[in-house]
């Protein structure tokens, strides 16, 4: 994980990124999106398993 943290740099225009940096950012972005999606799905499954719907919570 240290090697990824070392890649943090001051913000640069995207066009000046090397292909490796661009690929790394895309990979991180996808992982973040996947993490958010999985969290939402987990919350929905938890609500369904407890019999709570967002409509019923009001």
PDB file of N, CA and C in Angstrom:
ATOM      1  N   UNK A   1       0.834  -1.203   0.000  1.00  0.00           N
ATOM      2  CA  UNK A   1       0.000   0.000   0.000  1.00  0.00           C
ATOM      3  C   UNK A   1       0.869   1.255   0.000  1.00  0.00           C
ATOM      4  N   UNK A   2       2.061   1.137   0.571  1.00  0.00           N
ATOM      5  CA  UNK A   2       2.942   2.304   0.608  1.00  0.00           C
ATOM      6  C   UNK A   2       3.237   2.820  -0.801  1.00  0.00           C
ATOM      7  N   UNK A   3       3.453   1.898  -1.727  1.00  0.00           N
ATOM      8  CA  UNK A   3       3.808   2.331  -3.081  1.00  0.00           C
ATOM      9  C   UNK A   3       2.683   3.162  -3.696  1.00  0.00           C
ATOM     10  N   UNK A   4       1.431   2.831  -3.392  1.00  0.00           N
ATOM     11  CA  UNK A   4       0.331   3.615  -3.953  1.00  0.00           C
ATOM     12  C   UNK A   4       0.249   4.978  -3.276  1.00  0.00           C
ATOM     13  N   UNK A   5       0.498   5.018  -1.981  1.00  0.00           N
ATOM     14  CA  UNK A   5       0.430   6.291  -1.292  1.00  0.00           C
ATOM     15  C   UNK A   5       1.528   7.241  -1.769  1.00  0.00           C
ATOM     16  N   UNK A   6       2.665   6.680  -2.151  1.00  0.00           N
ATOM     17  CA  UNK A   6       3.762   7.521  -2.625  1.00  0.00           C
ATOM     18  C   UNK A   6       3.425   8.177  -3.954  1.00  0.00           C
ATOM     19  N   UNK A   7       2.428   7.638  -4.656  1.00  0.00           N
ATOM     20  CA  UNK A   7       2.077   8.204  -5.957  1.00  0.00           C
ATOM     21  C   UNK A   7       1.285   9.498  -5.827  1.00  0.00           C
ATOM     22  N   UNK A   8       0.880   9.852  -4.626  1.00  0.00           N
ATOM     23  CA  UNK A   8       0.133  11.101  -4.465  1.00  0.00           C
ATOM     24  C   UNK A   8       1.038  12.274  -4.831  1.00  0.00           C
ATOM     25  N   UNK A   9       0.506  13.167  -5.659  1.00  0.00           N
ATOM     26  CA  UNK A   9       1.288  14.294  -6.145  1.00  0.00           C
ATOM     27  C   UNK A   9       0.405  15.533  -6.158  1.00  0.00           C
ATOM     28  N   UNK A  10       1.023  16.701  -6.305  1.00  0.00           N
ATOM     29  CA  UNK A  10       0.208  17.915  -6.484  1.00  0.00           C
ATOM     30  C   UNK A  10      -0.684  17.760  -7.700  1.00  0.00           C
ATOM     31  N   UNK A  11      -1.833  18.424  -7.681  1.00  0.00           N
ATOM     32  CA  UNK A  11      -2.760  18.295  -8.802  1.00  0.00           C
ATOM     33  C   UNK A  11      -2.102  18.774 -10.091  1.00  0.00           C
ATOM     34  N   UNK A  12      -2.261  17.983 -11.140  1.00  0.00           N
ATOM     35  CA  UNK A  12      -1.725  18.348 -12.447  1.00  0.00           C
ATOM     36  C   UNK A  12      -2.858  18.286 -13.463  1.00  0.00           C
ATOM     37  N   UNK A  13      -2.739  19.021 -14.548  1.00  0.00           N
ATOM     38  CA  UNK A  13      -3.718  18.856 -15.628  1.00  0.00           C
ATOM     39  C   UNK A  13      -3.703  17.410 -16.105  1.00  0.00           C
ATOM     40  N   UNK A  14      -4.877  16.876 -16.395  1.00  0.00           N
ATOM     41  CA  UNK A  14      -4.974  15.469 -16.764  1.00  0.00           C
ATOM     42  C   UNK A  14      -4.131  15.151 -17.992  1.00  0.00           C
ATOM     43  N   UNK A  15      -4.020  16.076 -18.922  1.00  0.00           N
ATOM     44  CA  UNK A  15      -3.314  15.782 -20.169  1.00  0.00           C
ATOM     45  C   UNK A  15      -1.826  15.578 -19.925  1.00  0.00           C
ATOM     46  N   UNK A  16      -1.299  16.032 -18.768  1.00  0.00           N
ATOM     47  CA  UNK A  16       0.127  15.876 -18.501  1.00  0.00           C
ATOM     48  C   UNK A  16       0.434  14.597 -17.736  1.00  0.00           C
ATOM     49  N   UNK A  17      -0.588  13.829 -17.407  1.00  0.00           N
ATOM     50  CA  UNK A  17      -0.351  12.572 -16.702  1.00  0.00           C
ATOM     51  C   UNK A  17       0.290  11.558 -17.640  1.00  0.00           C
ATOM     52  N   UNK A  18       1.156  10.749 -17.082  1.00  0.00           N
ATOM     53  CA  UNK A  18       1.702   9.649 -17.872  1.00  0.00           C
ATOM     54  C   UNK A  18       0.641   8.571 -17.990  1.00  0.00           C
ATOM     55  N   UNK A  19       0.749   7.675 -18.963  1.00  0.00           N
ATOM     56  CA  UNK A  19      -0.241   6.588 -19.088  1.00  0.00           C
ATOM     57  C   UNK A  19      -0.357   5.792 -17.797  1.00  0.00           C
ATOM     58  N   UNK A  20       0.763   5.584 -17.100  1.00  0.00           N
ATOM     59  CA  UNK A  20       0.718   4.821 -15.852  1.00  0.00           C
ATOM     60  C   UNK A  20      -0.109   5.567 -14.803  1.00  0.00           C
ATOM     61  N   UNK A  21       0.093   6.867 -14.700  1.00  0.00           N
ATOM     62  CA  UNK A  21      -0.665   7.651 -13.708  1.00  0.00           C
ATOM     63  C   UNK A  21      -2.150   7.657 -14.049  1.00  0.00           C
ATOM     64  N   UNK A  22      -2.437   7.793 -15.360  1.00  0.00           N
ATOM     65  CA  UNK A  22      -3.838   7.827 -15.769  1.00  0.00           C
ATOM     66  C   UNK A  22      -4.511   6.494 -15.454  1.00  0.00           C
ATOM     67  N   UNK A  23      -3.822   5.397 -15.748  1.00  0.00           N
ATOM     68  CA  UNK A  23      -4.380   4.078 -15.467  1.00  0.00           C
ATOM     69  C   UNK A  23      -4.587   3.898 -13.970  1.00  0.00           C
ATOM     70  N   UNK A  24      -3.617   4.391 -13.181  1.00  0.00           N
ATOM     71  CA  UNK A  24      -3.737   4.253 -11.726  1.00  0.00           C
ATOM     72  C   UNK A  24      -4.961   5.011 -11.223  1.00  0.00           C
ATOM     73  N   UNK A  25      -5.156   6.219 -11.714  1.00  0.00           N
ATOM     74  CA  UNK A  25      -6.317   7.007 -11.261  1.00  0.00           C
ATOM     75  C   UNK A  25      -7.617   6.333 -11.663  1.00  0.00           C
ATOM     76  N   UNK A  26      -7.659   5.792 -12.880  1.00  0.00           N
ATOM     77  CA  UNK A  26      -8.881   5.111 -13.318  1.00  0.00           C
ATOM     78  C   UNK A  26      -9.152   3.904 -12.436  1.00  0.00           C
ATOM     79  N   UNK A  27      -8.081   3.163 -12.071  1.00  0.00           N
ATOM     80  CA  UNK A  27      -8.258   1.978 -11.243  1.00  0.00           C
ATOM     81  C   UNK A  27      -8.775   2.385  -9.866  1.00  0.00           C
ATOM     82  N   UNK A  28      -8.197   3.427  -9.292  1.00  0.00           N
ATOM     83  CA  UNK A  28      -8.642   3.890  -7.975  1.00  0.00           C
ATOM     84  C   UNK A  28     -10.083   4.363  -8.046  1.00  0.00           C
ATOM     85  N   UNK A  29     -10.413   5.097  -9.114  1.00  0.00           N
ATOM     86  CA  UNK A  29     -11.759   5.631  -9.257  1.00  0.00           C
ATOM     87  C   UNK A  29     -12.771   4.496  -9.353  1.00  0.00           C
ATOM     88  N   UNK A  30     -12.421   3.455 -10.133  1.00  0.00           N
ATOM     89  CA  UNK A  30     -13.335   2.323 -10.261  1.00  0.00           C
ATOM     90  C   UNK A  30     -13.505   1.619  -8.927  1.00  0.00           C
ATOM     91  N   UNK A  31     -12.408   1.487  -8.173  1.00  0.00           N
ATOM     92  CA  UNK A  31     -12.504   0.818  -6.878  1.00  0.00           C
ATOM     93  C   UNK A  31     -13.398   1.625  -5.943  1.00  0.00           C
ATOM     94  N   UNK A  32     -13.264   2.950  -5.982  1.00  0.00           N
ATOM     95  CA  UNK A  32     -14.117   3.788  -5.132  1.00  0.00           C
ATOM     96  C   UNK A  32     -15.574   3.624  -5.528  1.00  0.00           C
ATOM     97  N   UNK A  33     -15.846   3.658  -6.839  1.00  0.00           N
ATOM     98  CA  UNK A  33     -17.229   3.492  -7.302  1.00  0.00           C
ATOM     99  C   UNK A  33     -17.768   2.134  -6.891  1.00  0.00           C
ATOM    100  N   UNK A  34     -16.952   1.095  -7.067  1.00  0.00           N
ATOM    101  CA  UNK A  34     -17.398  -0.254  -6.719  1.00  0.00           C
ATOM    102  C   UNK A  34     -17.685  -0.323  -5.227  1.00  0.00           C
ATOM    103  N   UNK A  35     -16.846   0.301  -4.422  1.00  0.00           N
ATOM    104  CA  UNK A  35     -17.051   0.293  -2.977  1.00  0.00           C
ATOM    105  C   UNK A  35     -18.360   0.971  -2.607  1.00  0.00           C
ATOM    106  N   UNK A  36     -18.649   2.113  -3.233  1.00  0.00           N
ATOM    107  CA  UNK A  36     -19.902   2.805  -2.940  1.00  0.00           C
ATOM    108  C   UNK A  36     -21.091   1.951  -3.347  1.00  0.00           C
ATOM    109  N   UNK A  37     -21.000   1.333  -4.511  1.00  0.00           N
ATOM    110  CA  UNK A  37     -22.109   0.514  -5.004  1.00  0.00           C
ATOM    111  C   UNK A  37     -22.342  -0.664  -4.071  1.00  0.00           C
ATOM    112  N   UNK A  38     -21.258  -1.319  -3.648  1.00  0.00           N
ATOM    113  CA  UNK A  38     -21.398  -2.474  -2.769  1.00  0.00           C
ATOM    114  C   UNK A  38     -22.017  -2.052  -1.442  1.00  0.00           C
ATOM    115  N   UNK A  39     -21.616  -0.884  -0.922  1.00  0.00           N
ATOM    116  CA  UNK A  39     -22.197  -0.419   0.344  1.00  0.00           C
ATOM    117  C   UNK A  39     -23.693  -0.200   0.192  1.00  0.00           C
ATOM    118  N   UNK A  40     -24.098   0.411  -0.920  1.00  0.00           N
ATOM    119  CA  UNK A  40     -25.532   0.644  -1.131  1.00  0.00           C
ATOM    120  C   UNK A  40     -26.282  -0.669  -1.223  1.00  0.00           C
ATOM    121  N   UNK A  41     -25.707  -1.641  -1.947  1.00  0.00           N
ATOM    122  CA  UNK A  41     -26.374  -2.935  -2.072  1.00  0.00           C
ATOM    123  C   UNK A  41     -26.463  -3.620  -0.711  1.00  0.00           C
ATOM    124  N   UNK A  42     -25.401  -3.514   0.098  1.00  0.00           N
ATOM    125  CA  UNK A  42     -25.441  -4.128   1.423  1.00  0.00           C
ATOM    126  C   UNK A  42     -26.539  -3.494   2.273  1.00  0.00           C
ATOM    127  N   UNK A  43     -26.653  -2.166   2.203  1.00  0.00           N
ATOM    128  CA  UNK A  43     -27.689  -1.497   2.983  1.00  0.00           C
ATOM    129  C   UNK A  43     -29.074  -1.954   2.531  1.00  0.00           C
ATOM    130  N   UNK A  44     -29.257  -2.073   1.218  1.00  0.00           N
ATOM    131  CA  UNK A  44     -30.571  -2.479   0.699  1.00  0.00           C
ATOM    132  C   UNK A  44     -30.890  -3.904   1.144  1.00  0.00           C
ATOM    133  N   UNK A  45     -29.900  -4.797   1.068  1.00  0.00           N
ATOM    134  CA  UNK A  45     -30.146  -6.186   1.483  1.00  0.00           C
ATOM    135  C   UNK A  45     -30.455  -6.241   2.971  1.00  0.00           C
ATOM    136  N   UNK A  46     -29.760  -5.415   3.759  1.00  0.00           N
ATOM    137  CA  UNK A  46     -30.002  -5.420   5.197  1.00  0.00           C
ATOM    138  C   UNK A  46     -31.427  -4.956   5.477  1.00  0.00           C
ATOM    139  N   UNK A  47     -31.869  -3.909   4.762  1.00  0.00           N
ATOM    140  CA  UNK A  47     -33.225  -3.415   4.974  1.00  0.00           C
ATOM    141  C   UNK A  47     -34.244  -4.467   4.561  1.00  0.00           C
ATOM    142  N   UNK A  48     -33.990  -5.136   3.441  1.00  0.00           N
ATOM    143  CA  UNK A  48     -34.934  -6.156   2.975  1.00  0.00           C
ATOM    144  C   UNK A  48     -34.990  -7.315   3.964  1.00  0.00           C
ATOM    145  N   UNK A  49     -33.840  -7.703   4.517  1.00  0.00           N
ATOM    146  CA  UNK A  49     -33.815  -8.857   5.411  1.00  0.00           C
ATOM    147  C   UNK A  49     -34.499  -8.529   6.745  1.00  0.00           C
ATOM    148  N   UNK A  50     -34.478  -7.253   7.156  1.00  0.00           N
ATOM    149  CA  UNK A  50     -35.146  -6.886   8.399  1.00  0.00           C
ATOM    150  C   UNK A  50     -36.593  -6.501   8.142  1.00  0.00           C
ATOM    151  N   UNK A  51     -37.017  -6.500   6.880  1.00  0.00           N
ATOM    152  CA  UNK A  51     -38.407  -6.182   6.555  1.00  0.00           C
ATOM    153  C   UNK A  51     -38.667  -4.698   6.545  1.00  0.00           C
ATOM    154  N   UNK A  52     -37.613  -3.884   6.514  1.00  0.00           N
ATOM    155  CA  UNK A  52     -37.810  -2.435   6.487  1.00  0.00           C
ATOM    156  C   UNK A  52     -37.644  -1.935   5.064  1.00  0.00           C
ATOM    157  N   UNK A  53     -38.603  -1.178   4.596  1.00  0.00           N
ATOM    158  CA  UNK A  53     -38.464  -0.502   3.316  1.00  0.00           C
ATOM    159  C   UNK A  53     -38.318   0.978   3.608  1.00  0.00           C
ATOM    160  N   UNK A  54     -37.736   1.705   2.647  1.00  0.00           N
ATOM    161  CA  UNK A  54     -37.597   3.148   2.863  1.00  0.00           C
ATOM    162  C   UNK A  54     -38.966   3.797   2.950  1.00  0.00           C
ATOM    163  N   UNK A  55     -39.957   3.236   2.270  1.00  0.00           N
ATOM    164  CA  UNK A  55     -41.306   3.804   2.311  1.00  0.00           C
ATOM    165  C   UNK A  55     -41.918   3.610   3.695  1.00  0.00           C
ATOM    166  N   UNK A  56     -41.646   2.442   4.316  1.00  0.00           N
ATOM    167  CA  UNK A  56     -42.241   2.150   5.619  1.00  0.00           C
ATOM    168  C   UNK A  56     -41.571   2.926   6.743  1.00  0.00           C
ATOM    169  N   UNK A  57     -40.340   3.405   6.521  1.00  0.00           N
ATOM    170  CA  UNK A  57     -39.601   4.040   7.607  1.00  0.00           C
ATOM    171  C   UNK A  57     -40.192   5.392   7.981  1.00  0.00           C
ATOM    172  N   UNK A  58     -41.051   5.947   7.121  1.00  0.00           N
ATOM    173  CA  UNK A  58     -41.623   7.254   7.451  1.00  0.00           C
ATOM    174  C   UNK A  58     -42.701   7.142   8.518  1.00  0.00           C
TER     175      UNK A  58
END
